[in-house]
């Protein structure tokens, strides 16, 4: 299905860099999903937000480029879902 990106009835504008990145991943008319630099079980460091600097373990990855991580906070295991851009290799 093809449609314009819009907010309600009004078309939205996208940055040129975003369009170029999509075109770079296009293969035979379909956009390929970028490979993730992370693996389940890998240690990562949270960057930004209230948990900045916390080291955690990736336990799941979903189809929307979000990671589910597990870390200890106040001596308890905590699961949290983050965008892939909010972590770095530990």
C-alpha atoms as a PDB file:
ATOM      1  CA  UNK A   1       0.000   0.000   0.000  1.00  0.00           C
ATOM      2  CA  UNK A   2       1.317   3.425  -0.872  1.00  0.00           C
ATOM      3  CA  UNK A   3       0.191   6.665   0.684  1.00  0.00           C
ATOM      4  CA  UNK A   4       1.477  10.071   1.644  1.00  0.00           C
ATOM      5  CA  UNK A   5       2.874  10.668   5.092  1.00  0.00           C
ATOM      6  CA  UNK A   6       0.371  13.010   6.686  1.00  0.00           C
ATOM      7  CA  UNK A   7      -1.002  14.426   9.898  1.00  0.00           C
ATOM      8  CA  UNK A   8      -4.742  14.173   9.513  1.00  0.00           C
ATOM      9  CA  UNK A   9      -5.657  15.680   6.143  1.00  0.00           C
ATOM     10  CA  UNK A  10      -2.403  17.652   5.776  1.00  0.00           C
ATOM     11  CA  UNK A  11       0.668  16.185   4.051  1.00  0.00           C
ATOM     12  CA  UNK A  12       3.802  16.126   6.179  1.00  0.00           C
ATOM     13  CA  UNK A  13       7.312  17.143   5.190  1.00  0.00           C
ATOM     14  CA  UNK A  14      10.236  14.764   5.683  1.00  0.00           C
ATOM     15  CA  UNK A  15      13.891  15.741   5.866  1.00  0.00           C
ATOM     16  CA  UNK A  16      16.016  15.038   2.791  1.00  0.00           C
ATOM     17  CA  UNK A  17      18.407  12.875   4.863  1.00  0.00           C
ATOM     18  CA  UNK A  18      15.548  10.588   5.856  1.00  0.00           C
ATOM     19  CA  UNK A  19      14.478  10.149   2.232  1.00  0.00           C
ATOM     20  CA  UNK A  20      18.089   9.481   1.147  1.00  0.00           C
ATOM     21  CA  UNK A  21      18.486   6.826   3.862  1.00  0.00           C
ATOM     22  CA  UNK A  22      15.312   5.061   2.659  1.00  0.00           C
ATOM     23  CA  UNK A  23      16.465   5.178  -0.966  1.00  0.00           C
ATOM     24  CA  UNK A  24      19.840   3.732   0.030  1.00  0.00           C
ATOM     25  CA  UNK A  25      18.066   0.684   1.570  1.00  0.00           C
ATOM     26  CA  UNK A  26      15.668   0.151  -1.362  1.00  0.00           C
ATOM     27  CA  UNK A  27      16.033  -3.161  -3.182  1.00  0.00           C
ATOM     28  CA  UNK A  28      13.677  -3.948  -6.077  1.00  0.00           C
ATOM     29  CA  UNK A  29      11.041  -1.495  -4.824  1.00  0.00           C
ATOM     30  CA  UNK A  30      11.101  -2.621  -1.175  1.00  0.00           C
ATOM     31  CA  UNK A  31      12.904  -0.998   1.741  1.00  0.00           C
ATOM     32  CA  UNK A  32      15.153  -3.494   3.493  1.00  0.00           C
ATOM     33  CA  UNK A  33      15.378  -3.375   7.249  1.00  0.00           C
ATOM     34  CA  UNK A  34      18.771  -2.208   8.496  1.00  0.00           C
ATOM     35  CA  UNK A  35      20.833  -4.761  10.353  1.00  0.00           C
ATOM     36  CA  UNK A  36      21.142  -4.209  14.059  1.00  0.00           C
ATOM     37  CA  UNK A  37      24.592  -3.839  15.574  1.00  0.00           C
ATOM     38  CA  UNK A  38      23.442  -5.679  18.708  1.00  0.00           C
ATOM     39  CA  UNK A  39      22.670  -9.268  19.688  1.00  0.00           C
ATOM     40  CA  UNK A  40      20.508 -10.810  22.401  1.00  0.00           C
ATOM     41  CA  UNK A  41      22.664 -11.353  25.480  1.00  0.00           C
ATOM     42  CA  UNK A  42      24.979  -8.456  24.646  1.00  0.00           C
ATOM     43  CA  UNK A  43      25.885  -5.912  27.309  1.00  0.00           C
ATOM     44  CA  UNK A  44      24.957  -2.306  26.450  1.00  0.00           C
ATOM     45  CA  UNK A  45      25.173   1.046  28.193  1.00  0.00           C
ATOM     46  CA  UNK A  46      22.047   3.240  28.320  1.00  0.00           C
ATOM     47  CA  UNK A  47      22.663   6.705  26.899  1.00  0.00           C
ATOM     48  CA  UNK A  48      20.388   9.526  27.969  1.00  0.00           C
ATOM     49  CA  UNK A  49      17.404   9.720  30.243  1.00  0.00           C
ATOM     50  CA  UNK A  50      17.078   8.827  33.904  1.00  0.00           C
ATOM     51  CA  UNK A  51      19.141   5.645  33.532  1.00  0.00           C
ATOM     52  CA  UNK A  52      22.046   7.196  31.615  1.00  0.00           C
ATOM     53  CA  UNK A  53      25.194   5.120  32.063  1.00  0.00           C
ATOM     54  CA  UNK A  54      23.462   1.994  33.399  1.00  0.00           C
ATOM     55  CA  UNK A  55      24.894  -1.229  31.958  1.00  0.00           C
ATOM     56  CA  UNK A  56      22.214  -3.732  30.933  1.00  0.00           C
ATOM     57  CA  UNK A  57      21.771  -6.967  28.985  1.00  0.00           C
ATOM     58  CA  UNK A  58      19.648  -7.185  25.829  1.00  0.00           C
ATOM     59  CA  UNK A  59      16.957  -9.833  26.322  1.00  0.00           C
ATOM     60  CA  UNK A  60      14.670  -9.100  23.332  1.00  0.00           C
ATOM     61  CA  UNK A  61      14.592  -7.094  20.104  1.00  0.00           C
ATOM     62  CA  UNK A  62      11.329  -6.167  18.430  1.00  0.00           C
ATOM     63  CA  UNK A  63      10.379  -5.312  14.875  1.00  0.00           C
ATOM     64  CA  UNK A  64      10.246  -1.579  15.570  1.00  0.00           C
ATOM     65  CA  UNK A  65      13.960  -1.241  16.411  1.00  0.00           C
ATOM     66  CA  UNK A  66      13.394  -1.291  20.144  1.00  0.00           C
ATOM     67  CA  UNK A  67      15.373  -3.327  22.622  1.00  0.00           C
ATOM     68  CA  UNK A  68      14.166  -4.911  25.837  1.00  0.00           C
ATOM     69  CA  UNK A  69      16.986  -4.707  28.343  1.00  0.00           C
ATOM     70  CA  UNK A  70      17.461  -6.149  31.818  1.00  0.00           C
ATOM     71  CA  UNK A  71      19.444  -4.436  34.555  1.00  0.00           C
ATOM     72  CA  UNK A  72      19.661  -4.324  38.335  1.00  0.00           C
ATOM     73  CA  UNK A  73      18.202  -1.285  40.058  1.00  0.00           C
ATOM     74  CA  UNK A  74      18.094  -1.084  43.851  1.00  0.00           C
ATOM     75  CA  UNK A  75      19.026  -4.792  43.989  1.00  0.00           C
ATOM     76  CA  UNK A  76      16.068  -5.811  41.817  1.00  0.00           C
ATOM     77  CA  UNK A  77      15.970  -6.926  38.193  1.00  0.00           C
ATOM     78  CA  UNK A  78      14.235  -4.360  35.972  1.00  0.00           C
ATOM     79  CA  UNK A  79      13.109  -4.796  32.345  1.00  0.00           C
ATOM     80  CA  UNK A  80      12.856  -1.743  30.148  1.00  0.00           C
ATOM     81  CA  UNK A  81      12.098  -1.155  26.463  1.00  0.00           C
ATOM     82  CA  UNK A  82      14.256   1.435  24.691  1.00  0.00           C
ATOM     83  CA  UNK A  83      14.789   2.645  21.137  1.00  0.00           C
ATOM     84  CA  UNK A  84      17.967   1.166  19.672  1.00  0.00           C
ATOM     85  CA  UNK A  85      19.450   4.665  19.473  1.00  0.00           C
ATOM     86  CA  UNK A  86      19.405   5.016  23.266  1.00  0.00           C
ATOM     87  CA  UNK A  87      22.091   2.407  23.896  1.00  0.00           C
ATOM     88  CA  UNK A  88      25.752   1.914  23.038  1.00  0.00           C
ATOM     89  CA  UNK A  89      27.961  -1.155  23.255  1.00  0.00           C
ATOM     90  CA  UNK A  90      29.338  -1.549  26.781  1.00  0.00           C
END
